[in-house]
Amino acid sequence: MPSFPDEDRLARILGGLSIEDAAFLAERLQPAWRRRAAMLDCRDAAVIAAAVFFPDRRSTIVAKTLAQQYSRYLAAAWRHGNHLAELPDGVPRLRAALHRIAVANGGRSLSWRQILNILEGRRS
């Protein structure tokens, strides 16, 4: 079966890239809807992981407390670590969890209702 004319050229270009650059390019070549879905999956996983720091039977209490702590993190500490993909070891675990939410959500805030929807498995 004949190959497409640009297939060899594309293979040559990708072969010359570092793993990080190839991953970056592969992500950018995805359709916008797929990139957004992946971002939301990552954000939701980070929110669910951070929720364990606030044990309570009532999801609304967990969501409100997490939203409050996340808003405080964005206001006070995010500007110091927004250039980092991960915080260094030794940082308090809650702060690292809040940082992961901020990275996954592009530094945007989340309302407690949005967090509640995530915790209850509804995407918002």
PDB file of N, CA and C in Angstrom:
ATOM      1  N   MET A   1       0.847  -1.176   0.000  1.00  0.00           N
ATOM      2  CA  MET A   1       0.000   0.000   0.000  1.00  0.00           C
ATOM      3  C   MET A   1       0.893   1.240   0.000  1.00  0.00           C
ATOM      4  N   PRO A   2       0.650   2.175  -0.908  1.00  0.00           N
ATOM      5  CA  PRO A   2       1.496   3.364  -0.964  1.00  0.00           C
ATOM      6  C   PRO A   2       1.274   4.265   0.242  1.00  0.00           C
ATOM      7  N   SER A   3       2.339   4.934   0.663  1.00  0.00           N
ATOM      8  CA  SER A   3       2.221   5.857   1.781  1.00  0.00           C
ATOM      9  C   SER A   3       1.803   7.227   1.266  1.00  0.00           C
ATOM     10  N   PHE A   4       1.267   8.022   2.158  1.00  0.00           N
ATOM     11  CA  PHE A   4       0.902   9.391   1.806  1.00  0.00           C
ATOM     12  C   PHE A   4       2.177  10.174   1.536  1.00  0.00           C
ATOM     13  N   PRO A   5       2.128  11.144   0.634  1.00  0.00           N
ATOM     14  CA  PRO A   5       3.358  11.876   0.279  1.00  0.00           C
ATOM     15  C   PRO A   5       4.032  12.564   1.469  1.00  0.00           C
ATOM     16  N   ASP A   6       3.252  13.043   2.417  1.00  0.00           N
ATOM     17  CA  ASP A   6       3.834  13.779   3.540  1.00  0.00           C
ATOM     18  C   ASP A   6       4.204  12.885   4.715  1.00  0.00           C
ATOM     19  N   GLU A   7       3.884  11.589   4.630  1.00  0.00           N
ATOM     20  CA  GLU A   7       4.123  10.691   5.759  1.00  0.00           C
ATOM     21  C   GLU A   7       5.609  10.591   6.104  1.00  0.00           C
ATOM     22  N   ASP A   8       6.460  10.444   5.110  1.00  0.00           N
ATOM     23  CA  ASP A   8       7.905  10.356   5.366  1.00  0.00           C
ATOM     24  C   ASP A   8       8.447  11.668   5.932  1.00  0.00           C
ATOM     25  N   ARG A   9       7.957  12.757   5.393  1.00  0.00           N
ATOM     26  CA  ARG A   9       8.392  14.068   5.881  1.00  0.00           C
ATOM     27  C   ARG A   9       7.978  14.259   7.335  1.00  0.00           C
ATOM     28  N   LEU A  10       6.743  13.895   7.659  1.00  0.00           N
ATOM     29  CA  LEU A  10       6.247  14.019   9.032  1.00  0.00           C
ATOM     30  C   LEU A  10       7.060  13.133   9.982  1.00  0.00           C
ATOM     31  N   ALA A  11       7.350  11.910   9.566  1.00  0.00           N
ATOM     32  CA  ALA A  11       8.145  10.999  10.395  1.00  0.00           C
ATOM     33  C   ALA A  11       9.537  11.578  10.644  1.00  0.00           C
ATOM     34  N   ARG A  12      10.125  12.178   9.621  1.00  0.00           N
ATOM     35  CA  ARG A  12      11.452  12.777   9.759  1.00  0.00           C
ATOM     36  C   ARG A  12      11.424  13.955  10.743  1.00  0.00           C
ATOM     37  N   ILE A  13      10.400  14.789  10.630  1.00  0.00           N
ATOM     38  CA  ILE A  13      10.270  15.946  11.528  1.00  0.00           C
ATOM     39  C   ILE A  13      10.089  15.484  12.968  1.00  0.00           C
ATOM     40  N   LEU A  14       9.169  14.537  13.179  1.00  0.00           N
ATOM     41  CA  LEU A  14       8.918  14.049  14.539  1.00  0.00           C
ATOM     42  C   LEU A  14      10.127  13.321  15.109  1.00  0.00           C
ATOM     43  N   GLY A  15      10.851  12.618  14.252  1.00  0.00           N
ATOM     44  CA  GLY A  15      12.047  11.905  14.702  1.00  0.00           C
ATOM     45  C   GLY A  15      13.148  12.832  15.180  1.00  0.00           C
ATOM     46  N   GLY A  16      13.134  14.066  14.708  1.00  0.00           N
ATOM     47  CA  GLY A  16      14.153  15.026  15.107  1.00  0.00           C
ATOM     48  C   GLY A  16      13.827  15.807  16.368  1.00  0.00           C
ATOM     49  N   LEU A  17      12.647  15.566  16.917  1.00  0.00           N
ATOM     50  CA  LEU A  17      12.227  16.304  18.114  1.00  0.00           C
ATOM     51  C   LEU A  17      12.566  15.545  19.385  1.00  0.00           C
ATOM     52  N   SER A  18      12.736  16.289  20.462  1.00  0.00           N
ATOM     53  CA  SER A  18      12.895  15.650  21.763  1.00  0.00           C
ATOM     54  C   SER A  18      11.556  15.054  22.182  1.00  0.00           C
ATOM     55  N   ILE A  19      11.579  14.195  23.158  1.00  0.00           N
ATOM     56  CA  ILE A  19      10.341  13.573  23.643  1.00  0.00           C
ATOM     57  C   ILE A  19       9.372  14.637  24.142  1.00  0.00           C
ATOM     58  N   GLU A  20       9.894  15.631  24.862  1.00  0.00           N
ATOM     59  CA  GLU A  20       9.040  16.698  25.393  1.00  0.00           C
ATOM     60  C   GLU A  20       8.396  17.509  24.268  1.00  0.00           C
ATOM     61  N   ASP A  21       9.192  17.834  23.239  1.00  0.00           N
ATOM     62  CA  ASP A  21       8.658  18.610  22.118  1.00  0.00           C
ATOM     63  C   ASP A  21       7.637  17.800  21.322  1.00  0.00           C
ATOM     64  N   ALA A  22       7.913  16.513  21.136  1.00  0.00           N
ATOM     65  CA  ALA A  22       6.968  15.660  20.405  1.00  0.00           C
ATOM     66  C   ALA A  22       5.650  15.547  21.174  1.00  0.00           C
ATOM     67  N   ALA A  23       5.721  15.422  22.501  1.00  0.00           N
ATOM     68  CA  ALA A  23       4.501  15.351  23.316  1.00  0.00           C
ATOM     69  C   ALA A  23       3.741  16.674  23.253  1.00  0.00           C
ATOM     70  N   PHE A  24       4.470  17.779  23.314  1.00  0.00           N
ATOM     71  CA  PHE A  24       3.856  19.100  23.210  1.00  0.00           C
ATOM     72  C   PHE A  24       3.123  19.249  21.881  1.00  0.00           C
ATOM     73  N   LEU A  25       3.787  18.876  20.806  1.00  0.00           N
ATOM     74  CA  LEU A  25       3.190  18.985  19.484  1.00  0.00           C
ATOM     75  C   LEU A  25       1.993  18.049  19.327  1.00  0.00           C
ATOM     76  N   ALA A  26       2.122  16.829  19.822  1.00  0.00           N
ATOM     77  CA  ALA A  26       1.015  15.873  19.722  1.00  0.00           C
ATOM     78  C   ALA A  26      -0.220  16.393  20.449  1.00  0.00           C
ATOM     79  N   GLU A  27      -0.008  17.018  21.605  1.00  0.00           N
ATOM     80  CA  GLU A  27      -1.142  17.577  22.355  1.00  0.00           C
ATOM     81  C   GLU A  27      -1.787  18.709  21.564  1.00  0.00           C
ATOM     82  N   ARG A  28      -0.979  19.578  20.963  1.00  0.00           N
ATOM     83  CA  ARG A  28      -1.520  20.733  20.233  1.00  0.00           C
ATOM     84  C   ARG A  28      -2.220  20.328  18.945  1.00  0.00           C
ATOM     85  N   LEU A  29      -1.899  19.157  18.416  1.00  0.00           N
ATOM     86  CA  LEU A  29      -2.535  18.701  17.186  1.00  0.00           C
ATOM     87  C   LEU A  29      -3.907  18.061  17.427  1.00  0.00           C
ATOM     88  N   GLN A  30      -4.226  17.828  18.690  1.00  0.00           N
ATOM     89  CA  GLN A  30      -5.539  17.273  19.026  1.00  0.00           C
ATOM     90  C   GLN A  30      -6.627  18.309  18.777  1.00  0.00           C
ATOM     91  N   PRO A  31      -7.842  17.854  18.453  1.00  0.00           N
ATOM     92  CA  PRO A  31      -8.947  18.815  18.319  1.00  0.00           C
ATOM     93  C   PRO A  31      -9.197  19.530  19.651  1.00  0.00           C
ATOM     94  N   ALA A  32      -9.714  20.741  19.581  1.00  0.00           N
ATOM     95  CA  ALA A  32      -9.938  21.555  20.780  1.00  0.00           C
ATOM     96  C   ALA A  32     -10.833  20.845  21.781  1.00  0.00           C
ATOM     97  N   TRP A  33     -11.859  20.165  21.309  1.00  0.00           N
ATOM     98  CA  TRP A  33     -12.780  19.493  22.235  1.00  0.00           C
ATOM     99  C   TRP A  33     -12.069  18.392  23.014  1.00  0.00           C
ATOM    100  N   ARG A  34     -11.117  17.711  22.374  1.00  0.00           N
ATOM    101  CA  ARG A  34     -10.390  16.634  23.056  1.00  0.00           C
ATOM    102  C   ARG A  34      -9.408  17.210  24.073  1.00  0.00           C
ATOM    103  N   ARG A  35      -8.752  18.331  23.733  1.00  0.00           N
ATOM    104  CA  ARG A  35      -7.846  18.988  24.685  1.00  0.00           C
ATOM    105  C   ARG A  35      -8.623  19.471  25.909  1.00  0.00           C
ATOM    106  N   ARG A  36      -9.812  20.052  25.670  1.00  0.00           N
ATOM    107  CA  ARG A  36     -10.634  20.533  26.784  1.00  0.00           C
ATOM    108  C   ARG A  36     -11.091  19.378  27.665  1.00  0.00           C
ATOM    109  N   ALA A  37     -11.519  18.284  27.068  1.00  0.00           N
ATOM    110  CA  ALA A  37     -11.951  17.119  27.847  1.00  0.00           C
ATOM    111  C   ALA A  37     -10.809  16.580  28.700  1.00  0.00           C
ATOM    112  N   ALA A  38      -9.607  16.529  28.141  1.00  0.00           N
ATOM    113  CA  ALA A  38      -8.443  16.056  28.901  1.00  0.00           C
ATOM    114  C   ALA A  38      -8.129  17.005  30.048  1.00  0.00           C
ATOM    115  N   MET A  39      -8.217  18.314  29.795  1.00  0.00           N
ATOM    116  CA  MET A  39      -7.963  19.304  30.843  1.00  0.00           C
ATOM    117  C   MET A  39      -8.985  19.142  31.969  1.00  0.00           C
ATOM    118  N   LEU A  40     -10.259  18.963  31.611  1.00  0.00           N
ATOM    119  CA  LEU A  40     -11.294  18.809  32.630  1.00  0.00           C
ATOM    120  C   LEU A  40     -11.114  17.513  33.413  1.00  0.00           C
ATOM    121  N   ASP A  41     -10.700  16.438  32.738  1.00  0.00           N
ATOM    122  CA  ASP A  41     -10.432  15.181  33.439  1.00  0.00           C
ATOM    123  C   ASP A  41      -9.317  15.362  34.462  1.00  0.00           C
ATOM    124  N   CYS A  42      -8.278  16.061  34.072  1.00  0.00           N
ATOM    125  CA  CYS A  42      -7.150  16.317  34.970  1.00  0.00           C
ATOM    126  C   CYS A  42      -7.592  17.193  36.143  1.00  0.00           C
ATOM    127  N   ARG A  43      -8.345  18.246  35.849  1.00  0.00           N
ATOM    128  CA  ARG A  43      -8.853  19.134  36.894  1.00  0.00           C
ATOM    129  C   ARG A  43      -9.740  18.378  37.873  1.00  0.00           C
ATOM    130  N   ASP A  44     -10.655  17.584  37.341  1.00  0.00           N
ATOM    131  CA  ASP A  44     -11.572  16.837  38.201  1.00  0.00           C
ATOM    132  C   ASP A  44     -10.831  15.853  39.097  1.00  0.00           C
ATOM    133  N   ALA A  45      -9.824  15.185  38.538  1.00  0.00           N
ATOM    134  CA  ALA A  45      -9.026  14.255  39.339  1.00  0.00           C
ATOM    135  C   ALA A  45      -8.283  14.994  40.452  1.00  0.00           C
ATOM    136  N   ALA A  46      -7.771  16.177  40.159  1.00  0.00           N
ATOM    137  CA  ALA A  46      -7.068  16.969  41.173  1.00  0.00           C
ATOM    138  C   ALA A  46      -8.026  17.428  42.270  1.00  0.00           C
ATOM    139  N   VAL A  47      -9.233  17.813  41.899  1.00  0.00           N
ATOM    140  CA  VAL A  47     -10.234  18.232  42.893  1.00  0.00           C
ATOM    141  C   VAL A  47     -10.603  17.055  43.789  1.00  0.00           C
ATOM    142  N   ILE A  48     -10.852  15.911  43.202  1.00  0.00           N
ATOM    143  CA  ILE A  48     -11.226  14.726  43.987  1.00  0.00           C
ATOM    144  C   ILE A  48     -10.095  14.326  44.924  1.00  0.00           C
ATOM    145  N   ALA A  49      -8.858  14.413  44.448  1.00  0.00           N
ATOM    146  CA  ALA A  49      -7.707  14.082  45.292  1.00  0.00           C
ATOM    147  C   ALA A  49      -7.573  15.067  46.448  1.00  0.00           C
ATOM    148  N   ALA A  50      -7.840  16.341  46.207  1.00  0.00           N
ATOM    149  CA  ALA A  50      -7.730  17.347  47.273  1.00  0.00           C
ATOM    150  C   ALA A  50      -8.861  17.232  48.286  1.00  0.00           C
ATOM    151  N   ALA A  51      -9.990  16.704  47.879  1.00  0.00           N
ATOM    152  CA  ALA A  51     -11.150  16.606  48.774  1.00  0.00           C
ATOM    153  C   ALA A  51     -10.886  15.698  49.972  1.00  0.00           C
ATOM    154  N   VAL A  52      -9.937  14.784  49.855  1.00  0.00           N
ATOM    155  CA  VAL A  52      -9.655  13.875  50.970  1.00  0.00           C
ATOM    156  C   VAL A  52      -9.086  14.615  52.179  1.00  0.00           C
ATOM    157  N   PHE A  53      -8.610  15.834  51.989  1.00  0.00           N
ATOM    158  CA  PHE A  53      -8.093  16.618  53.105  1.00  0.00           C
ATOM    159  C   PHE A  53      -9.212  17.177  53.977  1.00  0.00           C
ATOM    160  N   PHE A  54     -10.446  17.052  53.533  1.00  0.00           N
ATOM    161  CA  PHE A  54     -11.591  17.611  54.251  1.00  0.00           C
ATOM    162  C   PHE A  54     -12.632  16.523  54.494  1.00  0.00           C
ATOM    163  N   PRO A  55     -12.366  15.621  55.430  1.00  0.00           N
ATOM    164  CA  PRO A  55     -13.286  14.507  55.655  1.00  0.00           C
ATOM    165  C   PRO A  55     -14.584  14.977  56.318  1.00  0.00           C
ATOM    166  N   ASP A  56     -15.658  14.739  55.634  1.00  0.00           N
ATOM    167  CA  ASP A  56     -16.989  15.046  56.155  1.00  0.00           C
ATOM    168  C   ASP A  56     -17.974  14.231  55.338  1.00  0.00           C
ATOM    169  N   ARG A  57     -19.033  13.783  55.967  1.00  0.00           N
ATOM    170  CA  ARG A  57     -20.042  13.000  55.255  1.00  0.00           C
ATOM    171  C   ARG A  57     -20.784  13.845  54.233  1.00  0.00           C
ATOM    172  N   ARG A  58     -20.905  15.131  54.512  1.00  0.00           N
ATOM    173  CA  ARG A  58     -21.700  16.008  53.656  1.00  0.00           C
ATOM    174  C   ARG A  58     -20.828  16.613  52.555  1.00  0.00           C
ATOM    175  N   SER A  59     -21.191  16.293  51.331  1.00  0.00           N
ATOM    176  CA  SER A  59     -20.431  16.771  50.176  1.00  0.00           C
ATOM    177  C   SER A  59     -20.425  18.284  50.081  1.00  0.00           C
ATOM    178  N   THR A  60     -21.514  18.916  50.498  1.00  0.00           N
ATOM    179  CA  THR A  60     -21.570  20.376  50.404  1.00  0.00           C
ATOM    180  C   THR A  60     -20.540  21.024  51.322  1.00  0.00           C
ATOM    181  N   ILE A  61     -20.349  20.464  52.497  1.00  0.00           N
ATOM    182  CA  ILE A  61     -19.354  21.010  53.438  1.00  0.00           C
ATOM    183  C   ILE A  61     -17.954  20.841  52.854  1.00  0.00           C
ATOM    184  N   VAL A  62     -17.683  19.673  52.284  1.00  0.00           N
ATOM    185  CA  VAL A  62     -16.373  19.429  51.669  1.00  0.00           C
ATOM    186  C   VAL A  62     -16.153  20.412  50.526  1.00  0.00           C
ATOM    187  N   ALA A  63     -17.162  20.572  49.677  1.00  0.00           N
ATOM    188  CA  ALA A  63     -17.035  21.468  48.526  1.00  0.00           C
ATOM    189  C   ALA A  63     -16.817  22.915  48.963  1.00  0.00           C
ATOM    190  N   LYS A  64     -17.563  23.362  49.949  1.00  0.00           N
ATOM    191  CA  LYS A  64     -17.414  24.747  50.418  1.00  0.00           C
ATOM    192  C   LYS A  64     -16.052  24.974  51.058  1.00  0.00           C
ATOM    193  N   THR A  65     -15.598  24.016  51.845  1.00  0.00           N
ATOM    194  CA  THR A  65     -14.295  24.158  52.503  1.00  0.00           C
ATOM    195  C   THR A  65     -13.168  24.132  51.480  1.00  0.00           C
ATOM    196  N   LEU A  66     -13.250  23.213  50.524  1.00  0.00           N
ATOM    197  CA  LEU A  66     -12.226  23.136  49.490  1.00  0.00           C
ATOM    198  C   LEU A  66     -12.223  24.404  48.642  1.00  0.00           C
ATOM    199  N   ALA A  67     -13.393  24.911  48.287  1.00  0.00           N
ATOM    200  CA  ALA A  67     -13.470  26.146  47.502  1.00  0.00           C
ATOM    201  C   ALA A  67     -12.837  27.308  48.254  1.00  0.00           C
ATOM    202  N   GLN A  68     -13.079  27.383  49.541  1.00  0.00           N
ATOM    203  CA  GLN A  68     -12.504  28.458  50.358  1.00  0.00           C
ATOM    204  C   GLN A  68     -10.977  28.347  50.396  1.00  0.00           C
ATOM    205  N   GLN A  69     -10.478  27.148  50.642  1.00  0.00           N
ATOM    206  CA  GLN A  69      -9.025  26.949  50.706  1.00  0.00           C
ATOM    207  C   GLN A  69      -8.369  27.197  49.344  1.00  0.00           C
ATOM    208  N   TYR A  70      -9.034  26.762  48.280  1.00  0.00           N
ATOM    209  CA  TYR A  70      -8.504  26.967  46.934  1.00  0.00           C
ATOM    210  C   TYR A  70      -8.471  28.461  46.584  1.00  0.00           C
ATOM    211  N   SER A  71      -9.512  29.180  46.928  1.00  0.00           N
ATOM    212  CA  SER A  71      -9.540  30.628  46.677  1.00  0.00           C
ATOM    213  C   SER A  71      -8.428  31.331  47.437  1.00  0.00           C
ATOM    214  N   ARG A  72      -8.204  30.929  48.681  1.00  0.00           N
ATOM    215  CA  ARG A  72      -7.110  31.503  49.467  1.00  0.00           C
ATOM    216  C   ARG A  72      -5.757  31.204  48.832  1.00  0.00           C
ATOM    217  N   TYR A  73      -5.611  29.975  48.346  1.00  0.00           N
ATOM    218  CA  TYR A  73      -4.349  29.603  47.701  1.00  0.00           C
ATOM    219  C   TYR A  73      -4.116  30.468  46.456  1.00  0.00           C
ATOM    220  N   LEU A  74      -5.146  30.620  45.638  1.00  0.00           N
ATOM    221  CA  LEU A  74      -5.007  31.434  44.428  1.00  0.00           C
ATOM    222  C   LEU A  74      -4.643  32.877  44.775  1.00  0.00           C
ATOM    223  N   ALA A  75      -5.244  33.406  45.823  1.00  0.00           N
ATOM    224  CA  ALA A  75      -5.004  34.800  46.194  1.00  0.00           C
ATOM    225  C   ALA A  75      -3.622  35.017  46.807  1.00  0.00           C
ATOM    226  N   ALA A  76      -3.130  34.045  47.552  1.00  0.00           N
ATOM    227  CA  ALA A  76      -1.904  34.271  48.313  1.00  0.00           C
ATOM    228  C   ALA A  76      -0.661  33.600  47.741  1.00  0.00           C
ATOM    229  N   ALA A  77      -0.776  32.352  47.316  1.00  0.00           N
ATOM    230  CA  ALA A  77       0.431  31.593  46.985  1.00  0.00           C
ATOM    231  C   ALA A  77       0.597  31.247  45.510  1.00  0.00           C
ATOM    232  N   TRP A  78      -0.454  31.290  44.753  1.00  0.00           N
ATOM    233  CA  TRP A  78      -0.384  30.872  43.352  1.00  0.00           C
ATOM    234  C   TRP A  78       0.639  31.692  42.559  1.00  0.00           C
ATOM    235  N   ARG A  79       0.712  32.969  42.806  1.00  0.00           N
ATOM    236  CA  ARG A  79       1.643  33.808  42.028  1.00  0.00           C
ATOM    237  C   ARG A  79       3.096  33.399  42.234  1.00  0.00           C
ATOM    238  N   HIS A  80       3.383  32.743  43.363  1.00  0.00           N
ATOM    239  CA  HIS A  80       4.754  32.322  43.632  1.00  0.00           C
ATOM    240  C   HIS A  80       5.099  30.989  42.976  1.00  0.00           C
ATOM    241  N   GLY A  81       4.074  30.196  42.646  1.00  0.00           N
ATOM    242  CA  GLY A  81       4.345  28.875  42.085  1.00  0.00           C
ATOM    243  C   GLY A  81       3.676  28.608  40.761  1.00  0.00           C
ATOM    244  N   ASN A  82       3.114  29.651  40.136  1.00  0.00           N
ATOM    245  CA  ASN A  82       2.361  29.403  38.906  1.00  0.00           C
ATOM    246  C   ASN A  82       3.240  28.979  37.731  1.00  0.00           C
ATOM    247  N   HIS A  83       4.527  29.164  37.827  1.00  0.00           N
ATOM    248  CA  HIS A  83       5.438  28.752  36.772  1.00  0.00           C
ATOM    249  C   HIS A  83       5.911  27.307  36.948  1.00  0.00           C
ATOM    250  N   LEU A  84       5.543  26.679  38.059  1.00  0.00           N
ATOM    251  CA  LEU A  84       5.978  25.314  38.355  1.00  0.00           C
ATOM    252  C   LEU A  84       4.886  24.305  38.015  1.00  0.00           C
ATOM    253  N   ALA A  85       5.261  23.218  37.356  1.00  0.00           N
ATOM    254  CA  ALA A  85       4.303  22.147  37.079  1.00  0.00           C
ATOM    255  C   ALA A  85       3.968  21.403  38.367  1.00  0.00           C
ATOM    256  N   GLU A  86       4.938  21.231  39.231  1.00  0.00           N
ATOM    257  CA  GLU A  86       4.774  20.576  40.536  1.00  0.00           C
ATOM    258  C   GLU A  86       5.562  21.365  41.572  1.00  0.00           C
ATOM    259  N   LEU A  87       5.053  21.412  42.774  1.00  0.00           N
ATOM    260  CA  LEU A  87       5.798  22.048  43.857  1.00  0.00           C
ATOM    261  C   LEU A  87       6.866  21.079  44.354  1.00  0.00           C
ATOM    262  N   PRO A  88       7.954  21.590  44.904  1.00  0.00           N
ATOM    263  CA  PRO A  88       9.026  20.711  45.382  1.00  0.00           C
ATOM    264  C   PRO A  88       8.581  19.868  46.578  1.00  0.00           C
ATOM    265  N   ASP A  89       9.321  18.788  46.799  1.00  0.00           N
ATOM    266  CA  ASP A  89       9.071  17.951  47.974  1.00  0.00           C
ATOM    267  C   ASP A  89       9.251  18.794  49.227  1.00  0.00           C
ATOM    268  N   GLY A  90       8.538  18.451  50.263  1.00  0.00           N
ATOM    269  CA  GLY A  90       8.637  19.187  51.511  1.00  0.00           C
ATOM    270  C   GLY A  90       7.553  20.239  51.671  1.00  0.00           C
ATOM    271  N   VAL A  91       6.851  20.564  50.596  1.00  0.00           N
ATOM    272  CA  VAL A  91       5.736  21.511  50.682  1.00  0.00           C
ATOM    273  C   VAL A  91       4.568  20.767  51.330  1.00  0.00           C
ATOM    274  N   PRO A  92       3.801  21.425  52.194  1.00  0.00           N
ATOM    275  CA  PRO A  92       2.655  20.741  52.795  1.00  0.00           C
ATOM    276  C   PRO A  92       1.760  20.101  51.725  1.00  0.00           C
ATOM    277  N   ARG A  93       1.257  18.921  52.033  1.00  0.00           N
ATOM    278  CA  ARG A  93       0.499  18.142  51.047  1.00  0.00           C
ATOM    279  C   ARG A  93      -0.756  18.859  50.566  1.00  0.00           C
ATOM    280  N   LEU A  94      -1.447  19.568  51.447  1.00  0.00           N
ATOM    281  CA  LEU A  94      -2.641  20.300  51.018  1.00  0.00           C
ATOM    282  C   LEU A  94      -2.263  21.388  50.015  1.00  0.00           C
ATOM    283  N   ARG A  95      -1.182  22.094  50.301  1.00  0.00           N
ATOM    284  CA  ARG A  95      -0.746  23.148  49.375  1.00  0.00           C
ATOM    285  C   ARG A  95      -0.395  22.557  48.016  1.00  0.00           C
ATOM    286  N   ALA A  96       0.267  21.411  48.002  1.00  0.00           N
ATOM    287  CA  ALA A  96       0.610  20.751  46.743  1.00  0.00           C
ATOM    288  C   ALA A  96      -0.653  20.322  45.997  1.00  0.00           C
ATOM    289  N   ALA A  97      -1.657  19.850  46.740  1.00  0.00           N
ATOM    290  CA  ALA A  97      -2.924  19.442  46.115  1.00  0.00           C
ATOM    291  C   ALA A  97      -3.643  20.648  45.514  1.00  0.00           C
ATOM    292  N   LEU A  98      -3.639  21.759  46.220  1.00  0.00           N
ATOM    293  CA  LEU A  98      -4.262  22.981  45.702  1.00  0.00           C
ATOM    294  C   LEU A  98      -3.511  23.489  44.472  1.00  0.00           C
ATOM    295  N   HIS A  99      -2.200  23.343  44.499  1.00  0.00           N
ATOM    296  CA  HIS A  99      -1.383  23.744  43.353  1.00  0.00           C
ATOM    297  C   HIS A  99      -1.738  22.898  42.120  1.00  0.00           C
ATOM    298  N   ARG A 100      -1.933  21.588  42.322  1.00  0.00           N
ATOM    299  CA  ARG A 100      -2.289  20.720  41.197  1.00  0.00           C
ATOM    300  C   ARG A 100      -3.630  21.129  40.592  1.00  0.00           C
ATOM    301  N   ILE A 101      -4.584  21.535  41.440  1.00  0.00           N
ATOM    302  CA  ILE A 101      -5.865  22.025  40.916  1.00  0.00           C
ATOM    303  C   ILE A 101      -5.629  23.286  40.091  1.00  0.00           C
ATOM    304  N   ALA A 102      -4.843  24.202  40.631  1.00  0.00           N
ATOM    305  CA  ALA A 102      -4.586  25.472  39.934  1.00  0.00           C
ATOM    306  C   ALA A 102      -3.898  25.247  38.592  1.00  0.00           C
ATOM    307  N   VAL A 103      -2.931  24.351  38.559  1.00  0.00           N
ATOM    308  CA  VAL A 103      -2.243  24.052  37.301  1.00  0.00           C
ATOM    309  C   VAL A 103      -3.232  23.457  36.303  1.00  0.00           C
ATOM    310  N   ALA A 104      -4.015  22.492  36.759  1.00  0.00           N
ATOM    311  CA  ALA A 104      -4.966  21.817  35.866  1.00  0.00           C
ATOM    312  C   ALA A 104      -6.069  22.753  35.388  1.00  0.00           C
ATOM    313  N   ASN A 105      -6.392  23.750  36.191  1.00  0.00           N
ATOM    314  CA  ASN A 105      -7.484  24.668  35.846  1.00  0.00           C
ATOM    315  C   ASN A 105      -6.977  26.016  35.327  1.00  0.00           C
ATOM    316  N   GLY A 106      -5.709  26.090  35.028  1.00  0.00           N
ATOM    317  CA  GLY A 106      -5.154  27.308  34.455  1.00  0.00           C
ATOM    318  C   GLY A 106      -5.198  28.504  35.390  1.00  0.00           C
ATOM    319  N   GLY A 107      -5.168  28.263  36.696  1.00  0.00           N
ATOM    320  CA  GLY A 107      -5.169  29.354  37.668  1.00  0.00           C
ATOM    321  C   GLY A 107      -6.523  30.025  37.840  1.00  0.00           C
ATOM    322  N   ARG A 108      -7.553  29.429  37.272  1.00  0.00           N
ATOM    323  CA  ARG A 108      -8.902  30.004  37.406  1.00  0.00           C
ATOM    324  C   ARG A 108      -9.568  29.465  38.659  1.00  0.00           C
ATOM    325  N   SER A 109     -10.452  30.284  39.215  1.00  0.00           N
ATOM    326  CA  SER A 109     -11.142  29.879  40.435  1.00  0.00           C
ATOM    327  C   SER A 109     -12.234  28.851  40.128  1.00  0.00           C
ATOM    328  N   LEU A 110     -12.684  28.196  41.169  1.00  0.00           N
ATOM    329  CA  LEU A 110     -13.790  27.242  41.094  1.00  0.00           C
ATOM    330  C   LEU A 110     -14.779  27.585  42.203  1.00  0.00           C
ATOM    331  N   SER A 111     -16.042  27.607  41.877  1.00  0.00           N
ATOM    332  CA  SER A 111     -17.058  27.841  42.902  1.00  0.00           C
ATOM    333  C   SER A 111     -17.305  26.545  43.675  1.00  0.00           C
ATOM    334  N   TRP A 112     -17.888  26.673  44.854  1.00  0.00           N
ATOM    335  CA  TRP A 112     -18.163  25.465  45.631  1.00  0.00           C
ATOM    336  C   TRP A 112     -19.188  24.593  44.903  1.00  0.00           C
ATOM    337  N   ARG A 113     -20.094  25.198  44.153  1.00  0.00           N
ATOM    338  CA  ARG A 113     -21.082  24.404  43.382  1.00  0.00           C
ATOM    339  C   ARG A 113     -20.387  23.588  42.299  1.00  0.00           C
ATOM    340  N   GLN A 114     -19.420  24.195  41.650  1.00  0.00           N
ATOM    341  CA  GLN A 114     -18.670  23.496  40.617  1.00  0.00           C
ATOM    342  C   GLN A 114     -17.883  22.340  41.238  1.00  0.00           C
ATOM    343  N   ILE A 115     -17.291  22.580  42.383  1.00  0.00           N
ATOM    344  CA  ILE A 115     -16.564  21.523  43.091  1.00  0.00           C
ATOM    345  C   ILE A 115     -17.529  20.425  43.517  1.00  0.00           C
ATOM    346  N   LEU A 116     -18.691  20.796  44.004  1.00  0.00           N
ATOM    347  CA  LEU A 116     -19.698  19.804  44.386  1.00  0.00           C
ATOM    348  C   LEU A 116     -20.086  18.945  43.188  1.00  0.00           C
ATOM    349  N   ASN A 117     -20.296  19.563  42.051  1.00  0.00           N
ATOM    350  CA  ASN A 117     -20.621  18.806  40.841  1.00  0.00           C
ATOM    351  C   ASN A 117     -19.513  17.817  40.492  1.00  0.00           C
ATOM    352  N   ILE A 118     -18.281  18.243  40.623  1.00  0.00           N
ATOM    353  CA  ILE A 118     -17.148  17.362  40.336  1.00  0.00           C
ATOM    354  C   ILE A 118     -17.135  16.194  41.312  1.00  0.00           C
ATOM    355  N   LEU A 119     -17.323  16.480  42.597  1.00  0.00           N
ATOM    356  CA  LEU A 119     -17.305  15.422  43.614  1.00  0.00           C
ATOM    357  C   LEU A 119     -18.444  14.435  43.430  1.00  0.00           C
ATOM    358  N   GLU A 120     -19.544  14.896  42.883  1.00  0.00           N
ATOM    359  CA  GLU A 120     -20.701  14.025  42.663  1.00  0.00           C
ATOM    360  C   GLU A 120     -20.712  13.421  41.263  1.00  0.00           C
ATOM    361  N   GLY A 121     -19.628  13.639  40.508  1.00  0.00           N
ATOM    362  CA  GLY A 121     -19.501  13.003  39.212  1.00  0.00           C
ATOM    363  C   GLY A 121     -20.200  13.700  38.065  1.00  0.00           C
ATOM    364  N   ARG A 122     -20.550  14.952  38.273  1.00  0.00           N
ATOM    365  CA  ARG A 122     -21.193  15.730  37.195  1.00  0.00           C
ATOM    366  C   ARG A 122     -20.189  16.750  36.708  1.00  0.00           C
ATOM    367  N   ARG A 123     -19.935  16.733  35.420  1.00  0.00           N
ATOM    368  CA  ARG A 123     -18.974  17.672  34.844  1.00  0.00           C
ATOM    369  C   ARG A 123     -19.633  19.025  34.687  1.00  0.00           C
ATOM    370  N   SER A 124     -18.887  20.081  35.029  1.00  0.00           N
ATOM    371  CA  SER A 124     -19.399  21.435  34.854  1.00  0.00           C
ATOM    372  C   SER A 124     -18.393  22.291  34.143  1.00  0.00           C
TER     373      SER A 124
END
